[in-house]
Amino acid sequence: MRDRMNVYFPPELLKQITELADRKKLSRSAIVEAAVLSFLSPDGADRREAAFTRRLDRISRQMQRLERDVGLLAETLALFVRFWLTVTPPLPNEAQSAAQIKGRERFEGFVEALGRRLQKGQSFLREIPEDFVRKPPEEPGK
């Protein structure tokens, strides 16, 4: 025996139910009944929890990659600045304007090269293996 129940759905949802019923060659009642049973089933909470866990794991992996990339970029920039400051002597005042002009030209070339590289989908960070960055430094004498 079945009891009758009247429910109201938004037109968009009713359209989706009707389309699914037509595709599966089932009645709309059967589609709604299956959805309600799925919602009320005790393992429904477990499935939702598993879905959340998968999403959180994916977010954690993305955060780890982001942390790795930011750390790598910061270290790269720090090493470059240290090297540049070590090997670049200060310029005399009369050479400053010529150096600034040349610096702008070189920077524009750098930006163009960077743009071409990014358009090709190339990335310096992808060239560095994951295990290389994650290895702990070896102690001297080992």
Protein backbone atom coordinates (compact mmCIF):
# COMPACT_ATOMS: atom_id res chain seq x y z
CA MET A 1 0.00 0.00 0.00
CA ARG A 2 1.21 3.48 -0.81
CA ASP A 3 0.10 6.78 0.63
CA ARG A 4 -0.27 9.83 -1.52
CA MET A 5 1.74 12.96 -0.79
CA ASN A 6 1.60 16.26 -2.65
CA VAL A 7 4.84 18.18 -2.91
CA TYR A 8 5.78 21.35 -4.71
CA PHE A 9 9.02 21.81 -6.63
CA PRO A 10 10.56 24.82 -8.29
CA PRO A 11 9.97 24.64 -12.07
CA GLU A 12 13.69 24.11 -12.81
CA LEU A 13 13.89 21.12 -10.46
CA LEU A 14 10.69 19.61 -11.82
CA LYS A 15 12.12 19.96 -15.34
CA GLN A 16 15.28 18.09 -14.27
CA ILE A 17 13.21 15.34 -12.64
CA THR A 18 11.07 14.98 -15.76
CA GLU A 19 14.11 14.85 -18.07
CA LEU A 20 15.79 12.21 -15.88
CA ALA A 21 12.60 10.16 -15.74
CA ASP A 22 12.34 10.28 -19.55
CA ARG A 23 15.99 9.30 -20.01
CA LYS A 24 15.79 6.42 -17.53
CA LYS A 25 12.30 5.44 -18.66
CA LEU A 26 10.99 5.65 -15.09
CA SER A 27 8.14 7.53 -13.50
CA ARG A 28 8.75 10.86 -11.81
CA SER A 29 7.53 9.27 -8.58
CA ALA A 30 10.22 6.59 -8.83
CA ILE A 31 12.92 9.26 -9.32
CA VAL A 32 11.73 11.30 -6.33
CA GLU A 33 11.34 8.14 -4.19
CA ALA A 34 14.92 7.06 -4.99
CA ALA A 35 16.22 10.53 -4.13
CA VAL A 36 14.39 10.60 -0.80
CA LEU A 37 15.56 7.06 0.05
CA SER A 38 19.11 8.03 -0.77
CA PHE A 39 18.83 11.13 1.40
CA LEU A 40 17.39 9.16 4.33
CA SER A 41 19.69 6.14 4.06
CA PRO A 42 22.10 5.73 6.98
CA ASP A 43 25.12 5.46 4.69
CA GLY A 44 24.22 8.79 3.08
CA ALA A 45 26.05 10.62 5.85
CA ASP A 46 29.06 8.36 5.33
CA ARG A 47 29.09 9.14 1.60
CA ARG A 48 28.88 12.86 2.28
CA GLU A 49 31.68 12.59 4.83
CA ALA A 50 33.80 10.64 2.33
CA ALA A 51 33.15 13.29 -0.31
CA PHE A 52 34.15 16.05 2.11
CA THR A 53 37.26 14.09 3.07
CA ARG A 54 38.28 13.71 -0.59
CA ARG A 55 37.76 17.42 -1.16
CA LEU A 56 39.75 18.35 1.95
CA ASP A 57 42.56 16.00 0.90
CA ARG A 58 42.66 17.63 -2.53
CA ILE A 59 42.74 21.10 -0.94
CA SER A 60 45.53 19.96 1.41
CA ARG A 61 47.62 18.75 -1.54
CA GLN A 62 47.00 22.03 -3.36
CA MET A 63 48.06 23.97 -0.26
CA GLN A 64 51.23 21.86 0.05
CA ARG A 65 52.12 22.59 -3.59
CA LEU A 66 51.40 26.26 -3.06
CA GLU A 67 53.54 26.34 0.09
CA ARG A 68 56.35 24.57 -1.79
CA ASP A 69 56.14 26.98 -4.71
CA VAL A 70 56.06 30.10 -2.53
CA GLY A 71 59.02 28.85 -0.46
CA LEU A 72 60.95 28.05 -3.62
CA LEU A 73 60.20 31.46 -5.12
CA ALA A 74 61.20 33.27 -1.93
CA GLU A 75 64.47 31.33 -1.70
CA THR A 76 65.21 31.91 -5.40
CA LEU A 77 64.61 35.64 -5.06
CA ALA A 78 66.73 35.84 -1.89
CA LEU A 79 69.64 34.02 -3.54
CA PHE A 80 69.42 36.20 -6.64
CA VAL A 81 69.36 39.43 -4.61
CA ARG A 82 72.29 38.30 -2.47
CA PHE A 83 74.28 37.36 -5.58
CA TRP A 84 73.38 40.58 -7.39
CA LEU A 85 74.32 42.76 -4.42
CA THR A 86 77.58 40.87 -4.01
CA VAL A 87 78.81 41.11 -7.61
CA THR A 88 77.37 44.46 -8.73
CA PRO A 89 79.59 47.44 -7.88
CA PRO A 90 77.93 50.82 -7.32
CA LEU A 91 77.90 53.08 -10.38
CA PRO A 92 79.42 56.52 -10.47
CA ASN A 93 76.87 59.37 -10.65
CA GLU A 94 77.66 60.19 -14.29
CA ALA A 95 76.80 56.61 -15.38
CA GLN A 96 73.46 56.45 -13.54
CA SER A 97 71.19 57.73 -16.35
CA ALA A 98 72.74 55.46 -19.00
CA ALA A 99 72.43 52.49 -16.63
CA GLN A 100 68.75 53.29 -15.97
CA ILE A 101 68.00 53.41 -19.70
CA LYS A 102 69.82 50.11 -20.28
CA GLY A 103 68.05 48.63 -17.25
CA ARG A 104 64.62 49.55 -18.66
CA GLU A 105 65.52 47.94 -22.01
CA ARG A 106 66.73 44.77 -20.32
CA PHE A 107 63.64 44.64 -18.10
CA GLU A 108 61.32 44.98 -21.11
CA GLY A 109 63.19 42.09 -22.75
CA PHE A 110 62.77 40.05 -19.58
CA VAL A 111 59.03 40.73 -19.45
CA GLU A 112 58.64 39.75 -23.12
CA ALA A 113 60.57 36.52 -22.58
CA LEU A 114 58.48 35.76 -19.50
CA GLY A 115 55.28 36.39 -21.47
CA ARG A 116 56.37 34.03 -24.27
CA ARG A 117 57.29 31.35 -21.75
CA LEU A 118 53.96 31.62 -19.94
CA GLN A 119 52.02 31.53 -23.22
CA LYS A 120 53.74 28.23 -24.02
CA GLY A 121 52.65 26.90 -20.62
CA GLN A 122 56.21 26.58 -19.36
CA SER A 123 56.94 27.05 -15.68
CA PHE A 124 60.23 27.16 -13.82
CA LEU A 125 58.55 25.59 -10.81
CA ARG A 126 57.45 22.56 -12.86
CA GLU A 127 61.06 21.98 -13.90
CA ILE A 128 62.11 21.36 -10.30
CA PRO A 129 61.35 17.83 -9.12
CA GLU A 130 59.17 17.48 -6.02
CA ASP A 131 61.62 15.19 -4.23
CA PHE A 132 64.54 17.56 -4.80
CA VAL A 133 62.87 20.37 -2.88
CA ARG A 134 61.54 18.15 -0.07
CA LYS A 135 64.87 16.41 0.73
CA PRO A 136 66.26 17.43 4.12
CA PRO A 137 69.73 18.93 3.88
CA GLU A 138 72.54 16.47 4.57
CA GLU A 139 74.72 17.07 7.58
CA PRO A 140 78.40 17.80 6.86
CA GLY A 141 80.65 14.77 7.10
CA LYS A 142 78.01 12.23 6.07
